Amino acid sequence: MSKEDHGFHQDFITEFEKSIPVPSTPKYAFFPETEPEKKPKPGVTYSTLSDRMKFYHTPRARRGLGIIVLKRIVWVLVFTLLLVSTLTLAGRPYAFDLPTLIPGDVNRDNTVDIVDVVIISAAFGSKPSDPVWNSDADINFDGLINIVDLAIVAVHFGARAVFSGWRSSPYGFQQEAEPAYWIDAAKYMASKINNSIPSGVWILGESLGRRCRLNFPSSEVYPNVTFSSTDQSERYLEAFDAAGLKVWLQVEPADAEVETLIDLVLGRYHQHSCVIGFGIDVEWLQAEEFADGRQINNEEAQRWLNRVKSYDPDYKLFLKHWLIEKMPTSYANDTVFVCDGQEYNSIYALVQDFKQWGAHFAGSEVYYQIGYASDEDWWSKLSDPFQAISNRLYSEIPNCNGVYWVDFTLPTVYPPD
């Protein structure tokens, strides 16, 4: 925040504090269980917000915790709406281009919304020793949950973080390019999209007939799984960690047991901070037996998600295909549905088809994989294909949270040196 913005916020907060009336009788406490009843001392002026909060104490509050929380929520909501309106009228934007998760996204769902306001309101005025303290709500890490944290939420209210970048495969030029190329390409692409996090889909399990070939070594033998002689991903993931990229680790399972693949991949790489989840390209699930892959049933989808989360509760599972009928019919939280459709005759046709995918999975996050050569005839005519297509998808599909450009044509969007 610039010095000018800081001064603006401080002036606004001061005026807001002055607007809070001093009650003539005690009201419900913010922390009644830790403070005795207090009465205003003669001649004392309660001139600051913190003074007024200390004044709100009475034994009656012990019987009204639900009312207390409700009052806090209402107070914080009113202030947040007022602050957002004021910042907007003052010409100060409250959505910014960010390389990481958005400040104010308390529950880390990549959106700054009313849920974050409620979480802060429930712990408002607290410090680490208080029973209602919530470290996630201490956005500026000053050991207090106060009006400053609320102001940060208000500044970013309505912003939604999305993932933008590439898909990289062993059958593309994954290993020919140095880590710096993938890092720079992801950052370049994310820079074109508001509130975008540099990201990628890193394929490390390739379908070869009935077997899945993983690009790292193993001394163990598993049905329908083969391994490379050297680890081809570790140095890339280490570089992605340092650069702050967020990547999915994806496999094409073939006839291998999916839970075995999850264990092999996440058991080896879950310590990397860049990893945000595990992906399955359903087109290659038992593809020798089922055309375009086998449909996933609800039970196994939930089982796979549980297995992924056993390595990190924040991990998500993505399922990729272009046919809705290949997906499970019930959708667990933290399951992401990725559409990789292609062969459209225009950006309009692509967006209309992708909107159907988004609407079908309306309760879940959806991502899209774009940039195929079969569509190049029309996207090559766009001045900035990635930005143009991505902005259409993000603006027209409310649950679109990620767009990735395939490596087959990535040099067209971000040429190597």
Protein backbone atom coordinates (compact mmCIF):
# COMPACT_ATOMS: atom_id res chain seq x y z
CA MET A 1 0.00 0.00 0.00
CA SER A 2 1.35 3.39 -0.94
CA LYS A 3 1.84 6.16 1.61
CA GLU A 4 -1.01 8.09 -0.01
CA ASP A 5 -3.36 5.11 0.29
CA HIS A 6 -2.25 4.50 3.87
CA GLY A 7 -3.06 8.11 4.75
CA PHE A 8 -6.43 7.81 3.09
CA HIS A 9 -7.28 4.65 5.03
CA GLN A 10 -6.10 6.17 8.31
CA ASP A 11 -8.20 9.31 7.81
CA PHE A 12 -11.22 7.24 6.93
CA ILE A 13 -10.79 4.93 9.93
CA THR A 14 -10.39 7.92 12.29
CA GLU A 15 -13.60 9.48 11.02
CA PHE A 16 -15.37 6.13 11.32
CA GLU A 17 -14.25 5.74 14.96
CA LYS A 18 -15.60 9.19 15.81
CA SER A 19 -18.97 8.21 14.37
CA ILE A 20 -19.50 5.41 16.91
CA PRO A 21 -21.70 6.68 19.77
CA VAL A 22 -20.80 6.15 23.42
CA PRO A 23 -23.69 4.29 25.12
CA SER A 24 -25.20 5.59 28.33
CA THR A 25 -25.77 2.06 29.61
CA PRO A 26 -23.63 -1.07 29.23
CA LYS A 27 -24.22 -3.25 26.17
CA TYR A 28 -23.19 -6.76 25.29
CA ALA A 29 -19.50 -7.49 25.64
CA PHE A 30 -17.18 -8.55 22.87
CA PHE A 31 -15.32 -10.77 25.33
CA PRO A 32 -17.64 -11.09 28.38
CA GLU A 33 -16.07 -14.29 29.61
CA THR A 34 -12.77 -12.54 30.33
CA GLU A 35 -13.84 -9.10 31.56
CA PRO A 36 -16.00 -7.93 34.49
CA GLU A 37 -18.85 -5.49 34.13
CA LYS A 38 -17.64 -1.96 33.62
CA LYS A 39 -19.28 1.43 33.98
CA PRO A 40 -18.10 4.66 32.42
CA LYS A 41 -15.89 6.64 34.75
CA PRO A 42 -16.90 10.23 35.41
CA GLY A 43 -15.04 12.64 33.18
CA VAL A 44 -13.59 9.89 30.94
CA THR A 45 -14.05 10.33 27.21
CA TYR A 46 -14.06 7.16 25.16
CA SER A 47 -12.44 8.63 22.08
CA THR A 48 -11.07 5.63 20.25
CA LEU A 49 -12.58 2.48 18.84
CA SER A 50 -10.58 0.30 21.25
CA ASP A 51 -11.82 2.37 24.25
CA ARG A 52 -15.39 1.90 23.14
CA MET A 53 -14.92 -1.85 22.76
CA LYS A 54 -13.50 -2.13 26.29
CA PHE A 55 -16.60 -0.31 27.52
CA TYR A 56 -19.00 -2.93 26.12
CA HIS A 57 -18.95 -5.41 29.04
CA THR A 58 -21.73 -6.84 31.22
CA PRO A 59 -22.56 -10.22 32.80
CA ARG A 60 -25.71 -10.40 30.66
CA ALA A 61 -23.51 -11.10 27.66
CA ARG A 62 -22.67 -14.53 29.03
CA ARG A 63 -26.22 -15.54 28.16
CA GLY A 64 -26.15 -14.00 24.70
CA LEU A 65 -23.13 -15.31 22.81
CA GLY A 66 -25.22 -15.92 19.70
CA ILE A 67 -26.50 -12.33 19.80
CA ILE A 68 -22.96 -11.07 20.34
CA VAL A 69 -21.65 -12.82 17.25
CA LEU A 70 -24.66 -11.63 15.22
CA LYS A 71 -24.11 -8.03 16.33
CA ARG A 72 -20.45 -8.26 15.39
CA ILE A 73 -21.28 -9.66 11.98
CA VAL A 74 -23.84 -6.93 11.28
CA TRP A 75 -21.44 -4.21 12.44
CA VAL A 76 -18.59 -5.55 10.32
CA LEU A 77 -20.80 -6.02 7.27
CA VAL A 78 -22.03 -2.44 7.45
CA PHE A 79 -18.51 -1.13 7.82
CA THR A 80 -17.17 -3.29 4.98
CA LEU A 81 -19.86 -2.17 2.58
CA LEU A 82 -19.29 1.44 3.59
CA LEU A 83 -15.54 1.16 3.11
CA VAL A 84 -15.83 -0.59 -0.25
CA SER A 85 -18.22 2.11 -1.47
CA THR A 86 -15.95 4.88 -0.21
CA LEU A 87 -12.86 3.41 -1.85
CA THR A 88 -14.72 3.00 -5.11
CA LEU A 89 -15.99 6.57 -5.08
CA ALA A 90 -12.49 7.77 -4.28
CA GLY A 91 -11.23 6.06 -7.40
CA ARG A 92 -9.21 3.43 -5.54
CA PRO A 93 -9.59 -0.04 -7.07
CA TYR A 94 -10.21 -3.00 -4.80
CA ALA A 95 -9.03 -5.75 -7.15
CA PHE A 96 -5.37 -6.01 -8.04
CA ASP A 97 -3.05 -8.13 -10.13
CA LEU A 98 -1.49 -10.45 -7.60
CA PRO A 99 1.21 -13.11 -7.98
CA THR A 100 -0.04 -15.01 -4.93
CA LEU A 101 -3.31 -15.56 -3.09
CA ILE A 102 -5.27 -12.34 -2.58
CA PRO A 103 -4.86 -10.49 0.73
CA GLY A 104 -8.14 -10.78 2.59
CA ASP A 105 -8.85 -14.31 1.35
CA VAL A 106 -9.05 -15.60 4.94
CA ASN A 107 -10.44 -19.05 4.16
CA ARG A 108 -8.14 -19.53 1.16
CA ASP A 109 -10.88 -20.27 -1.36
CA ASN A 110 -9.32 -17.80 -3.83
CA THR A 111 -12.17 -15.34 -3.42
CA VAL A 112 -12.53 -12.36 -1.08
CA ASP A 113 -16.19 -12.38 -0.16
CA ILE A 114 -18.74 -12.28 2.64
CA VAL A 115 -17.39 -15.52 4.12
CA ASP A 116 -14.07 -13.82 4.86
CA VAL A 117 -15.90 -10.90 6.48
CA VAL A 118 -17.85 -13.29 8.73
CA ILE A 119 -14.67 -15.09 9.81
CA ILE A 120 -13.01 -11.81 10.76
CA SER A 121 -16.11 -10.55 12.54
CA ALA A 122 -16.23 -13.67 14.72
CA ALA A 123 -12.72 -12.90 16.01
CA PHE A 124 -12.85 -9.11 15.79
CA GLY A 125 -10.98 -7.32 18.58
CA SER A 126 -9.18 -10.45 19.74
CA LYS A 127 -5.52 -11.16 20.42
CA PRO A 128 -3.69 -14.52 20.59
CA SER A 129 -4.57 -15.14 24.25
CA ASP A 130 -8.32 -14.77 23.65
CA PRO A 131 -10.58 -17.82 23.19
CA VAL A 132 -11.96 -16.58 19.87
CA TRP A 133 -8.58 -15.76 18.35
CA ASN A 134 -8.18 -16.93 14.77
CA SER A 135 -4.68 -16.47 13.33
CA ASP A 136 -6.03 -16.69 9.77
CA ALA A 137 -8.02 -13.51 10.39
CA ASP A 138 -4.89 -11.59 11.41
CA ILE A 139 -4.17 -10.60 7.84
CA ASN A 140 -1.34 -8.16 8.56
CA PHE A 141 0.27 -10.39 11.24
CA ASP A 142 0.36 -7.73 13.96
CA GLY A 143 -1.13 -9.91 16.70
CA LEU A 144 -4.48 -8.11 16.64
CA ILE A 145 -7.64 -8.65 14.66
CA ASN A 146 -8.92 -5.15 14.19
CA ILE A 147 -10.04 -2.52 11.77
CA VAL A 148 -6.83 -2.79 9.75
CA ASP A 149 -7.56 -6.43 8.86
CA LEU A 150 -11.10 -5.45 7.99
CA ALA A 151 -9.87 -2.64 5.78
CA ILE A 152 -7.67 -5.09 3.84
CA VAL A 153 -10.70 -7.29 3.17
CA ALA A 154 -12.69 -4.25 2.09
CA VAL A 155 -9.96 -3.11 -0.31
CA HIS A 156 -9.92 -6.52 -2.02
CA PHE A 157 -13.62 -7.34 -1.61
CA GLY A 158 -15.00 -9.10 -4.67
CA ALA A 159 -11.60 -10.12 -6.04
CA ARG A 160 -11.23 -13.73 -7.16
CA ALA A 161 -7.88 -15.41 -7.69
CA VAL A 162 -7.56 -17.69 -10.72
CA PHE A 163 -4.85 -19.94 -12.11
CA SER A 164 -3.26 -19.18 -15.47
CA GLY A 165 -0.43 -20.91 -17.29
CA TRP A 166 0.47 -23.96 -19.31
CA ARG A 167 0.13 -27.71 -19.62
CA SER A 168 3.48 -29.48 -19.99
CA SER A 169 3.83 -33.09 -21.18
CA PRO A 170 6.63 -35.64 -21.68
CA TYR A 171 5.59 -35.95 -25.34
CA GLY A 172 5.97 -32.20 -25.84
CA PHE A 173 9.22 -30.38 -25.09
CA GLN A 174 8.96 -30.67 -21.31
CA GLN A 175 12.47 -31.96 -20.74
CA GLU A 176 14.11 -29.94 -23.51
CA ALA A 177 13.19 -26.64 -21.85
CA GLU A 178 14.93 -25.46 -18.68
CA PRO A 179 12.89 -24.72 -15.53
CA ALA A 180 13.34 -20.99 -16.16
CA TYR A 181 11.33 -21.25 -19.39
CA TRP A 182 8.32 -22.82 -17.67
CA ILE A 183 8.53 -20.32 -14.81
CA ASP A 184 8.80 -17.29 -17.08
CA ALA A 185 6.03 -18.55 -19.37
CA ALA A 186 3.61 -19.07 -16.46
CA LYS A 187 4.38 -15.63 -15.00
CA TYR A 188 4.04 -13.98 -18.39
CA MET A 189 0.64 -15.59 -18.99
CA ALA A 190 -0.60 -14.85 -15.47
CA SER A 191 0.40 -11.20 -15.88
CA LYS A 192 -2.25 -10.85 -18.57
CA ILE A 193 -5.14 -11.88 -16.31
CA ASN A 194 -6.40 -9.97 -13.26
CA ASN A 195 -5.77 -11.62 -9.88
CA SER A 196 -4.03 -14.53 -11.56
CA ILE A 197 -1.63 -17.01 -9.99
CA PRO A 198 1.14 -18.42 -12.24
CA SER A 199 0.37 -22.09 -12.59
CA GLY A 200 0.79 -25.22 -14.67
CA VAL A 201 -0.28 -28.79 -15.26
CA TRP A 202 2.80 -31.01 -15.09
CA ILE A 203 2.22 -34.41 -16.70
CA LEU A 204 4.56 -37.01 -15.21
CA GLY A 205 2.60 -40.16 -16.04
CA GLU A 206 2.13 -41.03 -19.73
CA SER A 207 -0.19 -43.72 -21.11
CA LEU A 208 1.66 -46.30 -23.20
CA GLY A 209 -0.81 -48.99 -24.20
CA ARG A 210 -2.11 -50.59 -21.02
CA ARG A 211 0.69 -49.17 -18.89
CA CYS A 212 1.33 -45.83 -17.27
CA ARG A 213 4.95 -44.73 -17.51
CA LEU A 214 6.02 -42.51 -14.60
CA ASN A 215 9.02 -40.26 -15.21
CA PHE A 216 10.91 -41.20 -12.05
CA PRO A 217 12.63 -44.42 -10.94
CA SER A 218 11.43 -47.10 -8.52
CA SER A 219 12.92 -50.34 -7.24
CA GLU A 220 9.44 -51.81 -6.72
CA VAL A 221 7.20 -53.48 -9.29
CA TYR A 222 3.54 -52.50 -9.73
CA PRO A 223 0.92 -53.85 -12.14
CA ASN A 224 0.70 -51.80 -15.36
CA VAL A 225 3.22 -49.21 -14.16
CA THR A 226 6.67 -48.60 -15.61
CA PHE A 227 9.31 -46.09 -14.53
CA SER A 228 12.08 -44.02 -16.06
CA SER A 229 15.69 -44.62 -15.04
CA THR A 230 16.10 -41.07 -13.64
CA ASP A 231 13.88 -38.52 -11.93
CA GLN A 232 12.80 -36.09 -14.63
CA SER A 233 10.63 -33.83 -12.48
CA GLU A 234 12.48 -33.09 -9.24
CA ARG A 235 14.66 -30.24 -10.48
CA TYR A 236 11.67 -28.59 -12.11
CA LEU A 237 9.51 -28.84 -9.00
CA GLU A 238 12.31 -27.43 -6.85
CA ALA A 239 12.53 -24.45 -9.19
CA PHE A 240 8.73 -24.03 -9.16
CA ASP A 241 8.81 -24.02 -5.35
CA ALA A 242 11.35 -21.19 -5.32
CA ALA A 243 9.44 -19.21 -7.95
CA GLY A 244 6.05 -19.51 -6.26
CA LEU A 245 4.32 -21.39 -9.09
CA LYS A 246 1.36 -23.63 -8.33
CA VAL A 247 1.18 -26.88 -10.27
CA TRP A 248 -0.98 -29.94 -10.67
CA LEU A 249 0.73 -33.31 -11.01
CA GLN A 250 -1.18 -35.25 -13.67
CA VAL A 251 -1.17 -38.84 -14.91
CA GLU A 252 -2.70 -40.72 -17.80
CA PRO A 253 -3.58 -43.89 -15.87
CA ALA A 254 -4.12 -46.47 -18.63
CA ASP A 255 -4.85 -49.78 -16.81
CA ALA A 256 -2.85 -48.93 -13.70
CA GLU A 257 -4.64 -48.68 -10.36
CA VAL A 258 -5.33 -44.98 -9.80
CA GLU A 259 -4.78 -45.14 -6.04
CA THR A 260 -1.40 -46.74 -6.63
CA LEU A 261 -0.48 -43.87 -8.97
CA ILE A 262 -1.60 -41.33 -6.36
CA ASP A 263 0.58 -42.99 -3.74
CA LEU A 264 3.60 -43.21 -6.03
CA VAL A 265 3.38 -39.59 -7.22
CA LEU A 266 2.34 -37.78 -4.05
CA GLY A 267 4.42 -40.06 -1.86
CA ARG A 268 7.45 -38.82 -3.78
CA TYR A 269 6.56 -35.15 -4.36
CA HIS A 270 4.06 -34.02 -1.71
CA GLN A 271 6.76 -32.05 0.16
CA HIS A 272 6.93 -29.51 -2.69
CA SER A 273 5.12 -26.25 -1.91
CA CYS A 274 4.29 -25.77 -5.58
CA VAL A 275 2.00 -28.82 -5.67
CA ILE A 276 -1.71 -28.03 -5.27
CA GLY A 277 -3.25 -31.34 -6.27
CA PHE A 278 -3.39 -34.45 -8.41
CA GLY A 279 -4.92 -34.74 -11.88
CA ILE A 280 -6.31 -37.65 -13.90
CA ASP A 281 -6.82 -37.50 -17.66
CA VAL A 282 -9.90 -39.70 -17.95
CA GLU A 283 -9.47 -40.07 -21.71
CA TRP A 284 -6.69 -42.53 -20.95
CA LEU A 285 -8.42 -44.49 -18.16
CA GLN A 286 -8.51 -48.08 -19.46
CA ALA A 287 -8.56 -46.62 -22.97
CA GLU A 288 -7.58 -49.93 -24.60
CA GLU A 289 -10.94 -51.33 -23.51
CA PHE A 290 -13.18 -48.23 -23.47
CA ALA A 291 -13.35 -45.70 -26.32
CA ASP A 292 -12.22 -42.28 -25.03
CA GLY A 293 -11.69 -43.79 -21.58
CA ARG A 294 -13.94 -45.34 -18.96
CA GLN A 295 -16.59 -43.35 -17.10
CA ILE A 296 -15.73 -42.63 -13.46
CA ASN A 297 -18.26 -43.72 -10.85
CA ASN A 298 -19.10 -41.71 -7.76
CA GLU A 299 -17.59 -44.10 -5.26
CA GLU A 300 -14.16 -44.23 -6.85
CA ALA A 301 -14.07 -40.47 -7.41
CA GLN A 302 -14.64 -39.93 -3.69
CA ARG A 303 -12.09 -42.61 -2.84
CA TRP A 304 -9.45 -40.98 -5.07
CA LEU A 305 -10.13 -37.56 -3.55
CA ASN A 306 -9.76 -38.98 -0.04
CA ARG A 307 -6.48 -40.61 -1.02
CA VAL A 308 -5.15 -37.33 -2.45
CA LYS A 309 -6.16 -35.43 0.69
CA SER A 310 -4.43 -37.98 2.89
CA TYR A 311 -1.17 -36.34 1.74
CA ASP A 312 -2.38 -32.77 2.31
CA PRO A 313 -5.91 -31.68 3.31
CA ASP A 314 -5.58 -28.64 1.03
CA TYR A 315 -4.94 -30.76 -2.06
CA LYS A 316 -7.64 -31.09 -4.72
CA LEU A 317 -8.35 -33.71 -7.36
CA PHE A 318 -8.97 -32.79 -10.96
CA LEU A 319 -10.69 -34.97 -13.54
CA LYS A 320 -10.13 -34.08 -17.19
CA HIS A 321 -12.18 -34.89 -20.29
CA TRP A 322 -14.29 -33.14 -22.92
CA LEU A 323 -17.33 -35.42 -22.45
CA ILE A 324 -19.56 -34.78 -19.44
CA GLU A 325 -20.80 -38.37 -19.49
CA LYS A 326 -17.33 -39.61 -18.55
CA MET A 327 -17.50 -37.74 -15.24
CA PRO A 328 -19.09 -38.94 -11.97
CA THR A 329 -22.70 -37.90 -11.41
CA SER A 330 -22.17 -36.50 -7.91
CA TYR A 331 -19.52 -33.94 -7.16
CA ALA A 332 -17.55 -33.83 -3.94
CA ASN A 333 -16.01 -30.61 -2.66
CA ASP A 334 -12.46 -30.07 -3.90
CA THR A 335 -13.04 -32.04 -7.10
CA VAL A 336 -12.20 -29.86 -10.11
CA PHE A 337 -13.53 -30.63 -13.59
CA VAL A 338 -11.22 -29.81 -16.50
CA CYS A 339 -12.50 -29.59 -20.08
CA ASP A 340 -9.98 -30.06 -22.91
CA GLY A 341 -12.35 -29.80 -25.85
CA GLN A 342 -11.00 -28.75 -29.25
CA GLU A 343 -11.85 -28.55 -32.97
CA TYR A 344 -14.03 -25.43 -32.76
CA ASN A 345 -14.49 -23.05 -35.69
CA SER A 346 -14.42 -19.82 -33.66
CA ILE A 347 -13.90 -18.35 -30.22
CA TYR A 348 -17.67 -18.06 -29.98
CA ALA A 349 -18.16 -21.79 -30.55
CA LEU A 350 -15.47 -22.63 -27.99
CA VAL A 351 -16.96 -20.34 -25.34
CA GLN A 352 -20.50 -21.62 -25.90
CA ASP A 353 -19.40 -25.23 -25.51
CA PHE A 354 -17.27 -24.46 -22.47
CA LYS A 355 -20.18 -22.60 -20.87
CA GLN A 356 -22.21 -25.82 -20.99
CA TRP A 357 -19.41 -27.58 -19.14
CA GLY A 358 -19.33 -24.85 -16.51
CA ALA A 359 -23.11 -24.86 -16.10
CA HIS A 360 -23.23 -28.65 -15.68
CA PHE A 361 -20.65 -28.50 -12.89
CA ALA A 362 -22.05 -25.26 -11.46
CA GLY A 363 -21.33 -26.24 -7.85
CA SER A 364 -17.68 -27.00 -8.55
CA GLU A 365 -14.57 -25.32 -9.92
CA VAL A 366 -13.99 -25.81 -13.64
CA TYR A 367 -10.77 -25.32 -15.59
CA TYR A 368 -10.12 -25.29 -19.33
CA GLN A 369 -7.25 -26.47 -21.50
CA ILE A 370 -6.88 -24.46 -24.70
CA GLY A 371 -4.48 -23.68 -27.54
CA TYR A 372 -4.78 -26.83 -29.63
CA ALA A 373 -3.45 -26.80 -33.17
CA SER A 374 -6.88 -27.88 -34.46
CA ASP A 375 -8.19 -24.45 -33.39
CA GLU A 376 -5.17 -22.44 -34.52
CA ASP A 377 -6.81 -21.22 -37.71
CA TRP A 378 -8.97 -18.81 -35.70
CA TRP A 379 -7.02 -18.19 -32.49
CA SER A 380 -3.89 -17.28 -34.44
CA LYS A 381 -5.79 -14.25 -35.77
CA LEU A 382 -6.30 -12.86 -32.24
CA SER A 383 -3.80 -10.21 -31.17
CA ASP A 384 -3.26 -12.02 -27.84
CA PRO A 385 -4.87 -15.48 -28.00
CA PHE A 386 -4.32 -16.53 -24.38
CA GLN A 387 -5.59 -13.26 -22.93
CA ALA A 388 -8.56 -12.99 -25.29
CA ILE A 389 -9.81 -16.54 -24.73
CA SER A 390 -9.10 -16.55 -20.98
CA ASN A 391 -10.89 -13.27 -20.36
CA ARG A 392 -13.95 -14.52 -22.21
CA LEU A 393 -14.00 -17.69 -20.12
CA TYR A 394 -13.46 -15.94 -16.79
CA SER A 395 -16.09 -13.29 -17.55
CA GLU A 396 -18.77 -15.63 -18.90
CA ILE A 397 -18.30 -18.73 -16.71
CA PRO A 398 -18.62 -17.82 -13.01
CA ASN A 399 -17.00 -21.03 -11.71
CA CYS A 400 -14.04 -20.92 -14.11
CA ASN A 401 -10.93 -20.86 -11.91
CA GLY A 402 -8.17 -21.89 -14.28
CA VAL A 403 -7.06 -21.75 -17.92
CA TYR A 404 -4.03 -23.60 -19.29
CA TRP A 405 -2.44 -23.40 -22.74
CA VAL A 406 -1.17 -26.71 -24.16
CA ASP A 407 2.54 -27.14 -24.76
CA PHE A 408 2.06 -28.22 -28.39
CA THR A 409 1.61 -24.59 -29.43
CA LEU A 410 3.00 -22.81 -26.34
CA PRO A 411 6.03 -21.43 -28.27
CA THR A 412 3.53 -19.45 -30.35
CA VAL A 413 2.28 -17.70 -27.20
CA TYR A 414 5.60 -17.56 -25.36
CA PRO A 415 8.56 -18.29 -27.68
CA PRO A 416 11.72 -19.78 -26.12
CA ASP A 417 14.85 -17.61 -26.21
